[in-house]
């Protein structure tokens, strides 16, 4: 039986995310400005916090890699088969699911988005999160590409909070205050 290395599954309906579509779009616009300023063709996110910040999807890795590819025109999350279509339902973007049948299907899914014929010249990655093994495999796979650490750029983009973020922080603090009063 032939099993797929990766596939797409849009099962169910998209759910309401913590932030509005406009908020996520504003975040992506700022990130794409960073992509342009750094002369990058794309960014590959691997951290839970940055994938959640830009897509709305919060993953639990179960020992498997997760990612998000962002270009000037496209954004796609990559997830393990264990989550089925949850990443698609709980994000603003498309999702590719890789299977565990063969080693490195996560990387094959990345290649399916990027393409092997015309590899990107410059790829941004999170050096403070990407594993050494994944970075080595990406470097080997895209041996004509240069990799640039964008972790500090990503952190700077998240320092100044939007009105929607401030509202969620205030509401969380309000609930924490109520809980603290009940304890005391």
N, C-alpha and C. Protein backbone atom coordinates (compact mmCIF):
# COMPACT_ATOMS: atom_id res chain seq x y z
N UNK A 1 0.84 -1.18 0.00
CA UNK A 1 0.00 0.00 0.00
C UNK A 1 0.89 1.24 0.00
N UNK A 2 0.59 2.16 -0.87
CA UNK A 2 1.34 3.42 -0.96
C UNK A 2 0.72 4.44 -0.01
N UNK A 3 1.53 4.95 0.89
CA UNK A 3 1.06 5.95 1.84
C UNK A 3 1.66 7.30 1.48
N UNK A 4 0.88 8.36 1.60
CA UNK A 4 1.39 9.68 1.20
C UNK A 4 2.43 10.21 2.20
N UNK A 5 3.37 11.01 1.69
CA UNK A 5 4.34 11.68 2.55
C UNK A 5 3.71 12.88 3.24
N UNK A 6 2.77 13.51 2.55
CA UNK A 6 2.06 14.68 3.08
C UNK A 6 0.77 14.85 2.29
N UNK A 7 -0.15 15.62 2.86
CA UNK A 7 -1.43 15.86 2.19
C UNK A 7 -2.12 17.06 2.83
N UNK A 8 -3.21 17.52 2.21
CA UNK A 8 -4.03 18.59 2.77
C UNK A 8 -5.36 18.00 3.20
N UNK A 9 -5.91 18.52 4.30
CA UNK A 9 -7.21 18.07 4.77
C UNK A 9 -7.94 19.27 5.37
N UNK A 10 -9.02 19.66 4.72
CA UNK A 10 -9.84 20.77 5.21
C UNK A 10 -11.15 20.18 5.71
N UNK A 11 -11.11 19.70 6.94
CA UNK A 11 -12.26 19.02 7.53
C UNK A 11 -12.86 19.91 8.60
N UNK A 12 -14.15 20.16 8.54
CA UNK A 12 -14.80 21.00 9.52
C UNK A 12 -14.79 22.46 9.09
N UNK A 13 -15.13 23.32 10.01
CA UNK A 13 -15.20 24.76 9.74
C UNK A 13 -14.10 25.48 10.50
N UNK A 14 -13.67 26.59 9.95
CA UNK A 14 -12.70 27.44 10.65
C UNK A 14 -13.35 27.94 11.94
N UNK A 15 -12.57 28.00 13.02
CA UNK A 15 -13.09 28.46 14.31
C UNK A 15 -12.73 29.92 14.53
N UNK A 16 -13.39 30.54 15.51
CA UNK A 16 -13.07 31.92 15.86
C UNK A 16 -11.72 31.92 16.57
N UNK A 17 -10.82 32.75 16.09
CA UNK A 17 -9.48 32.84 16.66
C UNK A 17 -9.42 33.94 17.72
N UNK A 18 -8.37 33.98 18.51
CA UNK A 18 -8.26 35.01 19.56
C UNK A 18 -8.25 36.44 19.03
N UNK A 19 -7.77 36.62 17.80
CA UNK A 19 -7.68 37.95 17.22
C UNK A 19 -8.43 38.00 15.90
N UNK A 20 -8.70 39.21 15.43
CA UNK A 20 -9.44 39.40 14.18
C UNK A 20 -8.55 39.11 12.97
N UNK A 21 -9.18 38.88 11.84
CA UNK A 21 -8.44 38.69 10.58
C UNK A 21 -7.57 39.91 10.30
N UNK A 22 -8.10 41.09 10.58
CA UNK A 22 -7.34 42.33 10.36
C UNK A 22 -6.08 42.35 11.20
N UNK A 23 -6.18 41.92 12.45
CA UNK A 23 -5.01 41.87 13.33
C UNK A 23 -3.94 40.93 12.78
N UNK A 24 -4.36 39.73 12.37
CA UNK A 24 -3.39 38.79 11.80
C UNK A 24 -2.79 39.34 10.51
N UNK A 25 -3.61 39.99 9.70
CA UNK A 25 -3.10 40.56 8.44
C UNK A 25 -2.08 41.67 8.72
N UNK A 26 -2.35 42.51 9.72
CA UNK A 26 -1.39 43.56 10.09
C UNK A 26 -0.06 42.96 10.54
N UNK A 27 -0.12 41.89 11.30
CA UNK A 27 1.10 41.21 11.75
C UNK A 27 1.88 40.68 10.55
N UNK A 28 1.16 40.05 9.62
CA UNK A 28 1.82 39.51 8.43
C UNK A 28 2.41 40.61 7.57
N UNK A 29 1.71 41.74 7.46
CA UNK A 29 2.24 42.86 6.68
C UNK A 29 3.56 43.35 7.27
N UNK A 30 3.63 43.46 8.59
CA UNK A 30 4.88 43.88 9.25
C UNK A 30 5.97 42.84 9.04
N UNK A 31 5.60 41.57 9.12
CA UNK A 31 6.59 40.51 8.90
C UNK A 31 7.09 40.53 7.46
N UNK A 32 6.20 40.77 6.54
CA UNK A 32 6.61 40.82 5.13
C UNK A 32 7.51 42.03 4.84
N UNK A 33 7.33 43.10 5.58
CA UNK A 33 8.25 44.24 5.48
C UNK A 33 9.64 43.80 5.95
N UNK A 34 9.70 43.02 7.01
CA UNK A 34 10.97 42.48 7.51
C UNK A 34 11.59 41.54 6.48
N UNK A 35 10.77 40.72 5.84
CA UNK A 35 11.25 39.83 4.78
C UNK A 35 11.91 40.66 3.69
N UNK A 36 11.24 41.71 3.27
CA UNK A 36 11.75 42.58 2.21
C UNK A 36 13.03 43.30 2.63
N UNK A 37 13.02 43.89 3.84
CA UNK A 37 14.19 44.63 4.33
C UNK A 37 15.43 43.76 4.44
N UNK A 38 15.24 42.50 4.79
CA UNK A 38 16.36 41.58 4.95
C UNK A 38 16.69 40.81 3.68
N UNK A 39 16.03 41.18 2.58
CA UNK A 39 16.26 40.54 1.28
C UNK A 39 16.04 39.02 1.36
N UNK A 40 14.99 38.63 2.06
CA UNK A 40 14.67 37.21 2.21
C UNK A 40 13.61 36.80 1.19
N UNK A 41 13.65 35.55 0.80
CA UNK A 41 12.61 35.01 -0.06
C UNK A 41 11.47 34.45 0.78
N UNK A 42 11.80 34.05 2.00
CA UNK A 42 10.79 33.46 2.88
C UNK A 42 11.35 33.35 4.29
N UNK A 43 10.42 33.08 5.21
CA UNK A 43 10.79 32.77 6.58
C UNK A 43 10.14 31.43 6.92
N UNK A 44 10.92 30.58 7.59
CA UNK A 44 10.38 29.33 8.11
C UNK A 44 10.32 29.46 9.63
N UNK A 45 9.11 29.55 10.17
CA UNK A 45 8.92 29.62 11.61
C UNK A 45 8.84 28.20 12.17
N UNK A 46 9.40 28.00 13.35
CA UNK A 46 9.32 26.69 14.00
C UNK A 46 8.83 26.77 15.44
N UNK A 47 8.85 27.94 16.04
CA UNK A 47 8.46 28.07 17.45
C UNK A 47 6.95 28.17 17.61
N UNK A 48 6.47 27.61 18.71
CA UNK A 48 5.04 27.64 18.99
C UNK A 48 4.54 29.08 19.09
N UNK A 49 5.30 29.94 19.78
CA UNK A 49 4.82 31.30 20.00
C UNK A 49 4.75 32.11 18.71
N UNK A 50 5.71 31.97 17.81
CA UNK A 50 5.65 32.74 16.57
C UNK A 50 4.63 32.16 15.59
N UNK A 51 4.50 30.84 15.54
CA UNK A 51 3.46 30.26 14.68
C UNK A 51 2.09 30.72 15.17
N UNK A 52 1.88 30.69 16.48
CA UNK A 52 0.60 31.14 17.04
C UNK A 52 0.38 32.63 16.77
N UNK A 53 1.42 33.43 16.92
CA UNK A 53 1.30 34.88 16.74
C UNK A 53 0.88 35.24 15.32
N UNK A 54 1.45 34.56 14.34
CA UNK A 54 1.18 34.92 12.95
C UNK A 54 0.03 34.15 12.31
N UNK A 55 -0.37 33.01 12.89
CA UNK A 55 -1.43 32.21 12.25
C UNK A 55 -2.64 31.94 13.15
N UNK A 56 -2.46 32.01 14.46
CA UNK A 56 -3.53 31.66 15.39
C UNK A 56 -3.45 30.23 15.88
N UNK A 57 -2.64 29.38 15.23
CA UNK A 57 -2.56 27.97 15.61
C UNK A 57 -1.49 27.75 16.67
N UNK A 58 -1.90 27.13 17.79
CA UNK A 58 -0.97 26.77 18.86
C UNK A 58 -0.78 25.26 18.81
N UNK A 59 0.45 24.83 18.59
CA UNK A 59 0.68 23.39 18.47
C UNK A 59 1.25 22.79 19.75
N UNK A 60 1.10 21.48 19.87
CA UNK A 60 1.77 20.68 20.88
C UNK A 60 2.55 19.64 20.09
N UNK A 61 3.86 19.68 20.14
CA UNK A 61 4.69 18.96 19.17
C UNK A 61 4.64 17.44 19.24
N UNK A 62 4.33 16.85 20.37
CA UNK A 62 4.34 15.39 20.49
C UNK A 62 5.65 14.81 19.96
N UNK A 63 6.74 15.55 20.08
CA UNK A 63 8.04 15.09 19.60
C UNK A 63 8.23 15.21 18.10
N UNK A 64 7.33 15.90 17.44
CA UNK A 64 7.41 16.05 15.98
C UNK A 64 7.60 17.53 15.64
N UNK A 65 8.28 17.81 14.53
CA UNK A 65 8.46 19.22 14.15
C UNK A 65 7.18 19.83 13.57
N UNK A 66 7.00 21.10 13.83
CA UNK A 66 5.92 21.89 13.24
C UNK A 66 6.56 23.11 12.61
N UNK A 67 5.90 23.70 11.65
CA UNK A 67 6.47 24.86 11.00
C UNK A 67 5.42 25.73 10.34
N UNK A 68 5.89 26.85 9.84
CA UNK A 68 5.06 27.78 9.09
C UNK A 68 5.96 28.48 8.08
N UNK A 69 5.59 28.40 6.81
CA UNK A 69 6.35 29.07 5.75
C UNK A 69 5.62 30.33 5.35
N UNK A 70 6.35 31.43 5.35
CA UNK A 70 5.76 32.71 4.98
C UNK A 70 6.60 33.34 3.88
N UNK A 71 5.94 33.66 2.77
CA UNK A 71 6.58 34.37 1.65
C UNK A 71 5.84 35.69 1.48
N UNK A 72 6.20 36.43 0.44
CA UNK A 72 5.52 37.69 0.16
C UNK A 72 4.04 37.49 -0.13
N UNK A 73 3.69 36.31 -0.65
CA UNK A 73 2.31 36.10 -1.08
C UNK A 73 1.58 34.96 -0.37
N UNK A 74 2.31 34.12 0.32
CA UNK A 74 1.70 32.89 0.83
C UNK A 74 2.09 32.63 2.28
N UNK A 75 1.19 31.96 3.00
CA UNK A 75 1.49 31.50 4.36
C UNK A 75 0.85 30.12 4.53
N UNK A 76 1.65 29.16 4.98
CA UNK A 76 1.18 27.79 5.13
C UNK A 76 1.80 27.18 6.39
N UNK A 77 0.97 26.57 7.22
CA UNK A 77 1.50 25.83 8.36
C UNK A 77 1.77 24.40 7.95
N UNK A 78 2.73 23.77 8.64
CA UNK A 78 3.06 22.35 8.42
C UNK A 78 2.87 21.64 9.75
N UNK A 79 2.10 20.57 9.71
CA UNK A 79 1.78 19.90 10.97
C UNK A 79 1.85 18.39 10.83
N UNK A 80 1.97 17.73 11.98
CA UNK A 80 2.00 16.27 12.02
C UNK A 80 0.58 15.72 11.85
N UNK A 81 0.51 14.53 11.34
CA UNK A 81 -0.77 13.87 11.06
C UNK A 81 -1.61 13.67 12.32
N UNK A 82 -0.97 13.64 13.48
CA UNK A 82 -1.69 13.41 14.74
C UNK A 82 -2.75 14.49 14.98
N UNK A 83 -2.55 15.70 14.44
CA UNK A 83 -3.50 16.79 14.62
C UNK A 83 -4.61 16.83 13.57
N UNK A 84 -4.53 15.95 12.57
CA UNK A 84 -5.51 15.92 11.48
C UNK A 84 -5.71 17.33 10.92
N UNK A 85 -6.95 17.80 10.82
CA UNK A 85 -7.17 19.11 10.20
C UNK A 85 -7.29 20.25 11.21
N UNK A 86 -7.00 19.97 12.48
CA UNK A 86 -7.07 21.01 13.50
C UNK A 86 -6.23 22.25 13.15
N UNK A 87 -4.99 22.10 12.67
CA UNK A 87 -4.20 23.29 12.33
C UNK A 87 -4.87 24.17 11.25
N UNK A 88 -5.54 23.54 10.32
CA UNK A 88 -6.25 24.32 9.29
C UNK A 88 -7.43 25.05 9.91
N UNK A 89 -8.21 24.34 10.74
CA UNK A 89 -9.40 24.95 11.36
C UNK A 89 -9.02 26.09 12.29
N UNK A 90 -7.89 25.95 12.97
CA UNK A 90 -7.50 26.91 14.01
C UNK A 90 -6.42 27.88 13.55
N UNK A 91 -6.45 28.24 12.28
CA UNK A 91 -5.48 29.21 11.77
C UNK A 91 -6.10 30.04 10.66
N UNK A 92 -5.37 31.06 10.25
CA UNK A 92 -5.85 31.92 9.18
C UNK A 92 -5.40 31.44 7.81
N UNK A 93 -4.68 30.33 7.75
CA UNK A 93 -4.01 29.97 6.50
C UNK A 93 -4.24 28.51 6.12
N UNK A 94 -3.61 28.13 5.01
CA UNK A 94 -3.63 26.74 4.58
C UNK A 94 -2.69 25.93 5.46
N UNK A 95 -2.85 24.61 5.39
CA UNK A 95 -2.01 23.72 6.19
C UNK A 95 -1.67 22.48 5.37
N UNK A 96 -0.44 22.03 5.50
CA UNK A 96 -0.03 20.76 4.92
C UNK A 96 0.30 19.82 6.08
N UNK A 97 -0.26 18.63 6.01
CA UNK A 97 -0.06 17.61 7.03
C UNK A 97 0.97 16.62 6.51
N UNK A 98 2.03 16.39 7.30
CA UNK A 98 2.99 15.37 6.89
C UNK A 98 2.75 14.11 7.71
N UNK A 99 3.08 12.98 7.13
CA UNK A 99 2.86 11.69 7.80
C UNK A 99 4.17 11.19 8.41
N UNK A 100 4.05 10.22 9.29
CA UNK A 100 5.21 9.65 9.98
C UNK A 100 5.71 8.36 9.34
N UNK A 101 5.17 8.00 8.19
CA UNK A 101 5.51 6.71 7.58
C UNK A 101 6.97 6.64 7.20
N UNK A 102 7.52 7.76 6.79
CA UNK A 102 8.94 7.80 6.40
C UNK A 102 9.61 8.97 7.10
N UNK A 103 10.88 8.81 7.35
CA UNK A 103 11.66 9.86 7.99
C UNK A 103 11.73 11.08 7.07
N UNK A 104 11.75 12.24 7.64
CA UNK A 104 11.92 13.52 6.94
C UNK A 104 10.76 13.93 6.05
N UNK A 105 9.56 13.42 6.31
CA UNK A 105 8.40 13.89 5.56
C UNK A 105 8.09 15.36 5.85
N UNK A 106 8.48 15.84 7.03
CA UNK A 106 8.35 17.27 7.34
C UNK A 106 9.11 18.09 6.30
N UNK A 107 10.34 17.67 6.00
CA UNK A 107 11.16 18.38 5.01
C UNK A 107 10.58 18.24 3.61
N UNK A 108 10.03 17.08 3.29
CA UNK A 108 9.40 16.89 1.98
C UNK A 108 8.21 17.82 1.82
N UNK A 109 7.48 18.04 2.91
CA UNK A 109 6.35 18.97 2.86
C UNK A 109 6.84 20.40 2.61
N UNK A 110 7.96 20.77 3.23
CA UNK A 110 8.54 22.10 2.98
C UNK A 110 8.92 22.24 1.51
N UNK A 111 9.57 21.22 0.97
CA UNK A 111 9.96 21.24 -0.45
C UNK A 111 8.73 21.35 -1.35
N UNK A 112 7.63 20.72 -0.96
CA UNK A 112 6.42 20.78 -1.78
C UNK A 112 5.89 22.20 -1.89
N UNK A 113 6.13 23.01 -0.88
CA UNK A 113 5.69 24.41 -0.90
C UNK A 113 6.70 25.28 -1.64
N UNK A 114 7.97 25.11 -1.28
CA UNK A 114 9.03 25.94 -1.84
C UNK A 114 9.33 25.56 -3.29
N UNK A 115 9.37 24.28 -3.56
CA UNK A 115 9.78 23.81 -4.87
C UNK A 115 11.28 23.57 -4.89
N UNK A 116 11.72 22.57 -5.58
CA UNK A 116 13.14 22.20 -5.63
C UNK A 116 13.82 22.80 -6.85
N UNK A 117 13.03 23.10 -7.90
CA UNK A 117 13.61 23.58 -9.15
C UNK A 117 14.24 24.96 -9.02
N UNK A 118 13.58 25.84 -8.29
CA UNK A 118 14.11 27.20 -8.11
C UNK A 118 14.20 27.48 -6.61
N UNK A 119 15.26 26.98 -5.97
CA UNK A 119 15.36 27.16 -4.52
C UNK A 119 15.52 28.63 -4.14
N UNK A 120 15.00 29.00 -2.99
CA UNK A 120 15.14 30.39 -2.53
C UNK A 120 16.59 30.72 -2.23
N UNK A 121 16.97 31.97 -2.50
CA UNK A 121 18.35 32.39 -2.23
C UNK A 121 18.57 32.65 -0.74
N UNK A 122 17.59 33.27 -0.10
CA UNK A 122 17.74 33.67 1.30
C UNK A 122 16.52 33.26 2.10
N UNK A 123 16.76 32.49 3.16
CA UNK A 123 15.69 31.97 4.00
C UNK A 123 15.92 32.43 5.44
N UNK A 124 14.90 33.02 6.04
CA UNK A 124 14.97 33.40 7.45
C UNK A 124 14.51 32.26 8.32
N UNK A 125 15.25 32.00 9.40
CA UNK A 125 14.87 30.96 10.36
C UNK A 125 15.06 31.48 11.78
N UNK A 126 14.46 30.78 12.73
CA UNK A 126 14.58 31.13 14.14
C UNK A 126 15.72 30.34 14.76
N UNK A 127 16.92 30.91 14.76
CA UNK A 127 18.08 30.20 15.33
C UNK A 127 17.90 29.91 16.81
N UNK A 128 17.06 30.70 17.49
CA UNK A 128 16.86 30.45 18.91
C UNK A 128 15.85 29.33 19.17
N UNK A 129 15.33 28.74 18.10
CA UNK A 129 14.38 27.65 18.28
C UNK A 129 14.62 26.43 17.39
N UNK A 130 14.97 26.64 16.14
CA UNK A 130 15.12 25.52 15.21
C UNK A 130 16.18 24.55 15.76
N UNK A 131 15.91 23.26 15.67
CA UNK A 131 16.89 22.29 16.19
C UNK A 131 18.11 22.24 15.27
N UNK A 132 19.22 21.82 15.83
CA UNK A 132 20.45 21.69 15.04
C UNK A 132 20.21 20.70 13.92
N UNK A 133 19.54 19.60 14.22
CA UNK A 133 19.27 18.57 13.21
C UNK A 133 18.44 19.14 12.05
N UNK A 134 17.38 19.87 12.37
CA UNK A 134 16.54 20.44 11.30
C UNK A 134 17.31 21.47 10.50
N UNK A 135 18.10 22.30 11.17
CA UNK A 135 18.88 23.31 10.45
C UNK A 135 19.88 22.64 9.51
N UNK A 136 20.55 21.60 9.98
CA UNK A 136 21.51 20.88 9.13
C UNK A 136 20.81 20.26 7.92
N UNK A 137 19.63 19.70 8.14
CA UNK A 137 18.89 19.09 7.03
C UNK A 137 18.41 20.15 6.04
N UNK A 138 17.95 21.29 6.55
CA UNK A 138 17.53 22.38 5.65
C UNK A 138 18.72 22.89 4.84
N UNK A 139 19.86 23.05 5.51
CA UNK A 139 21.07 23.52 4.83
C UNK A 139 21.51 22.53 3.76
N UNK A 140 21.40 21.26 4.05
CA UNK A 140 21.76 20.23 3.08
C UNK A 140 20.77 20.20 1.91
N UNK A 141 19.50 20.34 2.24
CA UNK A 141 18.44 20.29 1.23
C UNK A 141 18.49 21.51 0.30
N UNK A 142 18.69 22.67 0.90
CA UNK A 142 18.77 23.92 0.13
C UNK A 142 20.21 24.43 0.18
N UNK A 143 21.11 23.66 -0.41
CA UNK A 143 22.54 23.97 -0.30
C UNK A 143 22.95 25.21 -1.08
N UNK A 144 22.10 25.75 -1.92
CA UNK A 144 22.41 26.99 -2.63
C UNK A 144 21.78 28.19 -1.93
N UNK A 145 21.07 27.94 -0.86
CA UNK A 145 20.40 29.01 -0.12
C UNK A 145 21.25 29.46 1.06
N UNK A 146 21.07 30.73 1.44
CA UNK A 146 21.70 31.26 2.65
C UNK A 146 20.61 31.38 3.71
N UNK A 147 20.99 31.06 4.94
CA UNK A 147 20.05 31.12 6.05
C UNK A 147 20.42 32.29 6.95
N UNK A 148 19.41 33.06 7.35
CA UNK A 148 19.63 34.22 8.22
C UNK A 148 18.76 34.07 9.46
N UNK A 149 19.36 34.33 10.61
CA UNK A 149 18.62 34.29 11.86
C UNK A 149 17.71 35.52 11.95
N UNK A 150 16.42 35.29 12.12
CA UNK A 150 15.47 36.40 12.23
C UNK A 150 14.80 36.45 13.60
N UNK A 151 15.34 35.69 14.57
CA UNK A 151 14.67 35.65 15.88
C UNK A 151 14.56 37.02 16.54
N UNK A 152 15.61 37.82 16.46
CA UNK A 152 15.54 39.16 17.08
C UNK A 152 14.57 40.06 16.33
N UNK A 153 14.54 39.94 15.01
CA UNK A 153 13.59 40.72 14.22
C UNK A 153 12.15 40.37 14.62
N UNK A 154 11.90 39.08 14.78
CA UNK A 154 10.56 38.63 15.16
C UNK A 154 10.17 39.16 16.53
N UNK A 155 11.12 39.13 17.46
CA UNK A 155 10.85 39.62 18.81
C UNK A 155 10.55 41.12 18.79
N UNK A 156 11.32 41.87 18.01
CA UNK A 156 11.08 43.32 17.91
C UNK A 156 9.70 43.62 17.34
N UNK A 157 9.25 42.82 16.38
CA UNK A 157 7.92 43.03 15.81
C UNK A 157 6.82 42.81 16.84
N UNK A 158 7.11 42.02 17.87
CA UNK A 158 6.09 41.67 18.86
C UNK A 158 6.14 42.55 20.11
N UNK A 159 7.13 43.43 20.21
CA UNK A 159 7.29 44.24 21.43
C UNK A 159 6.14 45.23 21.61
N UNK A 160 5.80 45.97 20.57
CA UNK A 160 4.74 46.97 20.66
C UNK A 160 3.40 46.26 20.45
N UNK A 161 2.54 46.37 21.43
CA UNK A 161 1.26 45.66 21.41
C UNK A 161 0.18 46.47 20.69
N UNK A 162 -0.66 45.75 19.97
CA UNK A 162 -1.80 46.36 19.28
C UNK A 162 -2.94 46.57 20.28
N UNK A 163 -3.98 47.28 19.86
CA UNK A 163 -5.15 47.48 20.73
C UNK A 163 -5.79 46.15 21.10
N UNK A 164 -5.88 45.24 20.14
CA UNK A 164 -6.48 43.93 20.43
C UNK A 164 -5.65 43.15 21.46
N UNK A 165 -4.33 43.21 21.34
CA UNK A 165 -3.47 42.51 22.29
C UNK A 165 -3.61 43.11 23.69
N UNK A 166 -3.64 44.43 23.76
CA UNK A 166 -3.77 45.11 25.05
C UNK A 166 -5.09 44.73 25.71
N UNK A 167 -6.16 44.64 24.92
CA UNK A 167 -7.46 44.25 25.46
C UNK A 167 -7.43 42.84 26.05
N UNK A 168 -6.80 41.91 25.36
CA UNK A 168 -6.69 40.54 25.88
C UNK A 168 -5.83 40.50 27.14
N UNK A 169 -4.75 41.27 27.16
CA UNK A 169 -3.88 41.33 28.35
C UNK A 169 -4.66 41.90 29.54
N UNK A 170 -5.40 42.98 29.29
CA UNK A 170 -6.20 43.59 30.37
C UNK A 170 -7.24 42.61 30.92
N UNK A 171 -7.91 41.92 30.02
CA UNK A 171 -8.94 40.97 30.45
C UNK A 171 -8.31 39.82 31.24
N UNK A 172 -7.16 39.34 30.79
CA UNK A 172 -6.46 38.29 31.52
C UNK A 172 -6.03 38.75 32.90
N UNK A 173 -5.55 39.99 32.99
CA UNK A 173 -5.14 40.55 34.29
C UNK A 173 -6.36 40.70 35.21
N UNK A 174 -7.49 41.11 34.64
CA UNK A 174 -8.72 41.26 35.42
C UNK A 174 -9.13 39.91 36.02
N UNK A 175 -9.08 38.87 35.21
CA UNK A 175 -9.45 37.54 35.68
C UNK A 175 -8.45 37.05 36.73
N UNK A 176 -7.17 37.33 36.53
CA UNK A 176 -6.14 36.94 37.51
C UNK A 176 -6.37 37.65 38.84
N UNK A 177 -6.77 38.93 38.77
CA UNK A 177 -7.06 39.69 40.00
C UNK A 177 -8.22 39.05 40.77
N UNK A 178 -9.25 38.65 40.05
CA UNK A 178 -10.41 38.00 40.70
C UNK A 178 -9.96 36.71 41.37
N UNK A 179 -9.16 35.92 40.67
CA UNK A 179 -8.65 34.67 41.24
C UNK A 179 -7.79 34.91 42.46
N UNK A 180 -6.93 35.92 42.39
CA UNK A 180 -6.05 36.24 43.52
C UNK A 180 -6.85 36.69 44.73
N UNK A 181 -7.91 37.48 44.50
CA UNK A 181 -8.76 37.93 45.62
C UNK A 181 -9.44 36.74 46.30
N UNK A 182 -9.86 35.77 45.51
CA UNK A 182 -10.53 34.60 46.07
C UNK A 182 -9.57 33.76 46.90
N UNK A 183 -8.31 33.72 46.51
CA UNK A 183 -7.32 32.94 47.25
C UNK A 183 -7.01 33.59 48.59
N UNK A 184 -6.91 34.93 48.58
CA UNK A 184 -6.56 35.67 49.79
C UNK A 184 -7.77 35.81 50.63
